[in-house]
Amino acid sequence: MQCKWARRLGEVLVISPFSSRRTHDGQLHRPYTESEIDALAAYSVELDRCYLLPVAMVANRRSVSLRLSPCRNNQMERVNWAAQYELGAIAQLGERLSGTQEVVGSSPTSSTPERSA
């Protein structure tokens, strides 16, 4: 698993799925391969959201874009929608009657019935 920043450029999140290091010849950028990682997680500071991308989507690429809203030209095919890769809240803190915290919920939260009080 690799973790990266997702920077927002207008209505697109841009993720750079490669390693970078300095060599005596300058900066070396090398894309990840399918044999190196299983998936890539990206965090957007502006949106305070995390995204999980499968290795097939990021392997051997220098950049991956995720759309946040529809394209101005109405393109629908071959668009990577950010919502499809967003990680939901796996657990949420609920309060017990005694005042201590316990983990409740699921992902998505609507997949389990609510507890009655």
C-alpha atoms as a PDB file:
ATOM      1  CA  MET A   1       0.000   0.000   0.000  1.00  0.00           C
ATOM      2  CA  GLN A   2       1.264   3.443  -0.894  1.00  0.00           C
ATOM      3  CA  CYS A   3      -0.166   6.653   0.566  1.00  0.00           C
ATOM      4  CA  LYS A   4      -0.151   9.904  -1.393  1.00  0.00           C
ATOM      5  CA  TRP A   5      -1.621  13.401  -1.330  1.00  0.00           C
ATOM      6  CA  ALA A   6      -4.455  14.240  -3.719  1.00  0.00           C
ATOM      7  CA  ARG A   7      -4.234  17.875  -4.760  1.00  0.00           C
ATOM      8  CA  ARG A   8      -7.334  19.643  -5.977  1.00  0.00           C
ATOM      9  CA  LEU A   9      -7.195  21.520  -9.269  1.00  0.00           C
ATOM     10  CA  GLY A  10     -10.654  22.963  -9.818  1.00  0.00           C
ATOM     11  CA  GLU A  11     -13.093  20.060 -10.063  1.00  0.00           C
ATOM     12  CA  VAL A  12     -10.380  17.404 -10.388  1.00  0.00           C
ATOM     13  CA  LEU A  13      -8.202  15.619  -7.820  1.00  0.00           C
ATOM     14  CA  VAL A  14      -4.725  14.877  -9.163  1.00  0.00           C
ATOM     15  CA  ILE A  15      -2.695  12.031  -7.674  1.00  0.00           C
ATOM     16  CA  SER A  16       0.929  11.302  -8.576  1.00  0.00           C
ATOM     17  CA  PRO A  17       1.449   7.531  -8.181  1.00  0.00           C
ATOM     18  CA  PHE A  18       5.233   7.344  -8.368  1.00  0.00           C
ATOM     19  CA  SER A  19       8.286   7.261  -6.127  1.00  0.00           C
ATOM     20  CA  SER A  20      10.717  10.136  -6.213  1.00  0.00           C
ATOM     21  CA  ARG A  21      14.296  10.373  -5.013  1.00  0.00           C
ATOM     22  CA  ARG A  22      17.333  12.506  -5.588  1.00  0.00           C
ATOM     23  CA  THR A  23      20.327  10.972  -7.370  1.00  0.00           C
ATOM     24  CA  HIS A  24      23.668  12.448  -8.414  1.00  0.00           C
ATOM     25  CA  ASP A  25      22.054  13.079 -11.834  1.00  0.00           C
ATOM     26  CA  GLY A  26      19.054  14.938 -10.349  1.00  0.00           C
ATOM     27  CA  GLN A  27      15.543  13.927  -9.354  1.00  0.00           C
ATOM     28  CA  LEU A  28      14.460  10.387 -10.304  1.00  0.00           C
ATOM     29  CA  HIS A  29      10.725   9.669 -10.681  1.00  0.00           C
ATOM     30  CA  ARG A  30       9.665   6.046 -11.076  1.00  0.00           C
ATOM     31  CA  PRO A  31       6.054   4.839 -11.422  1.00  0.00           C
ATOM     32  CA  TYR A  32       4.902   1.974  -9.208  1.00  0.00           C
ATOM     33  CA  THR A  33       4.394  -1.437 -10.775  1.00  0.00           C
ATOM     34  CA  GLU A  34       1.798  -4.106  -9.986  1.00  0.00           C
ATOM     35  CA  SER A  35       4.509  -6.224  -8.348  1.00  0.00           C
ATOM     36  CA  GLU A  36       5.352  -3.426  -5.868  1.00  0.00           C
ATOM     37  CA  ILE A  37       1.968  -2.354  -4.463  1.00  0.00           C
ATOM     38  CA  ASP A  38      -1.529  -3.764  -3.993  1.00  0.00           C
ATOM     39  CA  ALA A  39      -3.342  -0.419  -3.931  1.00  0.00           C
ATOM     40  CA  LEU A  40      -2.815   3.290  -3.461  1.00  0.00           C
ATOM     41  CA  ALA A  41      -4.536   5.447  -0.855  1.00  0.00           C
ATOM     42  CA  ALA A  42      -4.779   9.204  -1.394  1.00  0.00           C
ATOM     43  CA  TYR A  43      -5.839  11.961   0.984  1.00  0.00           C
ATOM     44  CA  SER A  44      -7.280  15.346  -0.046  1.00  0.00           C
ATOM     45  CA  VAL A  45      -6.642  18.055   2.545  1.00  0.00           C
ATOM     46  CA  GLU A  46      -9.108  20.443   0.870  1.00  0.00           C
ATOM     47  CA  LEU A  47     -11.948  17.890   0.993  1.00  0.00           C
ATOM     48  CA  ASP A  48     -10.794  16.004   4.126  1.00  0.00           C
ATOM     49  CA  ARG A  49     -11.497  12.743   2.281  1.00  0.00           C
ATOM     50  CA  CYS A  50      -9.566   9.556   1.510  1.00  0.00           C
ATOM     51  CA  TYR A  51      -9.620   7.566  -1.717  1.00  0.00           C
ATOM     52  CA  LEU A  52      -8.508   3.998  -2.427  1.00  0.00           C
ATOM     53  CA  LEU A  53      -7.341   3.237  -5.962  1.00  0.00           C
ATOM     54  CA  PRO A  54      -6.708  -0.302  -7.254  1.00  0.00           C
ATOM     55  CA  VAL A  55      -3.215  -1.058  -8.484  1.00  0.00           C
ATOM     56  CA  ALA A  56      -4.437  -1.614 -12.056  1.00  0.00           C
ATOM     57  CA  MET A  57      -5.532   2.028 -12.130  1.00  0.00           C
ATOM     58  CA  VAL A  58      -2.196   3.482 -10.988  1.00  0.00           C
ATOM     59  CA  ALA A  59       0.500   1.047 -12.147  1.00  0.00           C
ATOM     60  CA  ASN A  60       3.036   2.526 -14.563  1.00  0.00           C
ATOM     61  CA  ARG A  61       1.333   5.949 -14.575  1.00  0.00           C
ATOM     62  CA  ARG A  62       2.716   9.364 -13.685  1.00  0.00           C
ATOM     63  CA  SER A  63      -0.665  10.884 -12.880  1.00  0.00           C
ATOM     64  CA  VAL A  64      -4.255   9.856 -12.108  1.00  0.00           C
ATOM     65  CA  SER A  65      -7.217  12.260 -12.139  1.00  0.00           C
ATOM     66  CA  LEU A  66     -10.485  11.864 -10.242  1.00  0.00           C
ATOM     67  CA  ARG A  67     -13.461  14.057 -11.222  1.00  0.00           C
ATOM     68  CA  LEU A  68     -15.439  15.729  -8.450  1.00  0.00           C
ATOM     69  CA  SER A  69     -18.273  17.042 -10.649  1.00  0.00           C
ATOM     70  CA  PRO A  70     -19.545  16.517 -14.217  1.00  0.00           C
ATOM     71  CA  CYS A  71     -17.346  17.616 -17.096  1.00  0.00           C
ATOM     72  CA  ARG A  72     -18.286  20.858 -18.843  1.00  0.00           C
ATOM     73  CA  ASN A  73     -18.432  19.012 -22.184  1.00  0.00           C
ATOM     74  CA  ASN A  74     -20.769  16.361 -20.655  1.00  0.00           C
ATOM     75  CA  GLN A  75     -18.242  13.555 -21.197  1.00  0.00           C
ATOM     76  CA  MET A  76     -19.341  10.472 -19.272  1.00  0.00           C
ATOM     77  CA  GLU A  77     -17.174   7.659 -20.668  1.00  0.00           C
ATOM     78  CA  ARG A  78     -13.688   6.935 -19.355  1.00  0.00           C
ATOM     79  CA  VAL A  79     -14.113   9.360 -16.452  1.00  0.00           C
ATOM     80  CA  ASN A  80     -12.747   8.363 -13.049  1.00  0.00           C
ATOM     81  CA  TRP A  81     -15.338   9.692 -10.606  1.00  0.00           C
ATOM     82  CA  ALA A  82     -13.889  10.504  -7.175  1.00  0.00           C
ATOM     83  CA  ALA A  83     -17.073   9.266  -5.460  1.00  0.00           C
ATOM     84  CA  GLN A  84     -16.437   5.727  -6.780  1.00  0.00           C
ATOM     85  CA  TYR A  85     -13.107   5.516  -4.960  1.00  0.00           C
ATOM     86  CA  GLU A  86     -13.940   7.397  -1.761  1.00  0.00           C
ATOM     87  CA  LEU A  87     -13.396   5.542   1.492  1.00  0.00           C
ATOM     88  CA  GLY A  88     -16.408   5.759   3.817  1.00  0.00           C
ATOM     89  CA  ALA A  89     -16.332   5.832   7.575  1.00  0.00           C
ATOM     90  CA  ILE A  90     -15.739   2.266   8.696  1.00  0.00           C
ATOM     91  CA  ALA A  91     -16.601   2.912  12.306  1.00  0.00           C
ATOM     92  CA  GLN A  92     -18.154   5.789  14.150  1.00  0.00           C
ATOM     93  CA  LEU A  93     -17.929   6.559  17.822  1.00  0.00           C
ATOM     94  CA  GLY A  94     -21.184   6.241  19.700  1.00  0.00           C
ATOM     95  CA  GLU A  95     -21.695   7.066  23.325  1.00  0.00           C
ATOM     96  CA  ARG A  96     -22.684   4.453  25.905  1.00  0.00           C
ATOM     97  CA  LEU A  97     -25.007   5.394  28.712  1.00  0.00           C
ATOM     98  CA  SER A  98     -22.012   5.394  31.053  1.00  0.00           C
ATOM     99  CA  GLY A  99     -20.385   8.117  28.947  1.00  0.00           C
ATOM    100  CA  THR A 100     -17.536   6.059  27.459  1.00  0.00           C
ATOM    101  CA  GLN A 101     -16.979   5.702  23.727  1.00  0.00           C
ATOM    102  CA  GLU A 102     -17.633   2.557  21.721  1.00  0.00           C
ATOM    103  CA  VAL A 103     -17.340   1.795  18.021  1.00  0.00           C
ATOM    104  CA  VAL A 104     -20.648   1.451  16.176  1.00  0.00           C
ATOM    105  CA  GLY A 105     -21.737   1.538  12.564  1.00  0.00           C
ATOM    106  CA  SER A 106     -20.477   0.014   9.365  1.00  0.00           C
ATOM    107  CA  SER A 107     -19.469   0.985   5.869  1.00  0.00           C
ATOM    108  CA  PRO A 108     -21.697   2.180   4.413  1.00  0.00           C
ATOM    109  CA  THR A 109     -23.565   3.220   7.513  1.00  0.00           C
ATOM    110  CA  SER A 110     -26.902   2.373   5.891  1.00  0.00           C
ATOM    111  CA  SER A 111     -25.942  -1.299   5.553  1.00  0.00           C
ATOM    112  CA  THR A 112     -26.924  -2.094   9.125  1.00  0.00           C
ATOM    113  CA  PRO A 113     -30.095  -1.208  10.998  1.00  0.00           C
ATOM    114  CA  GLU A 114     -29.856   1.496  13.652  1.00  0.00           C
ATOM    115  CA  ARG A 115     -29.809   0.412  17.277  1.00  0.00           C
ATOM    116  CA  SER A 116     -32.845   1.351  19.289  1.00  0.00           C
ATOM    117  CA  ALA A 117     -32.233   3.332  22.457  1.00  0.00           C
END
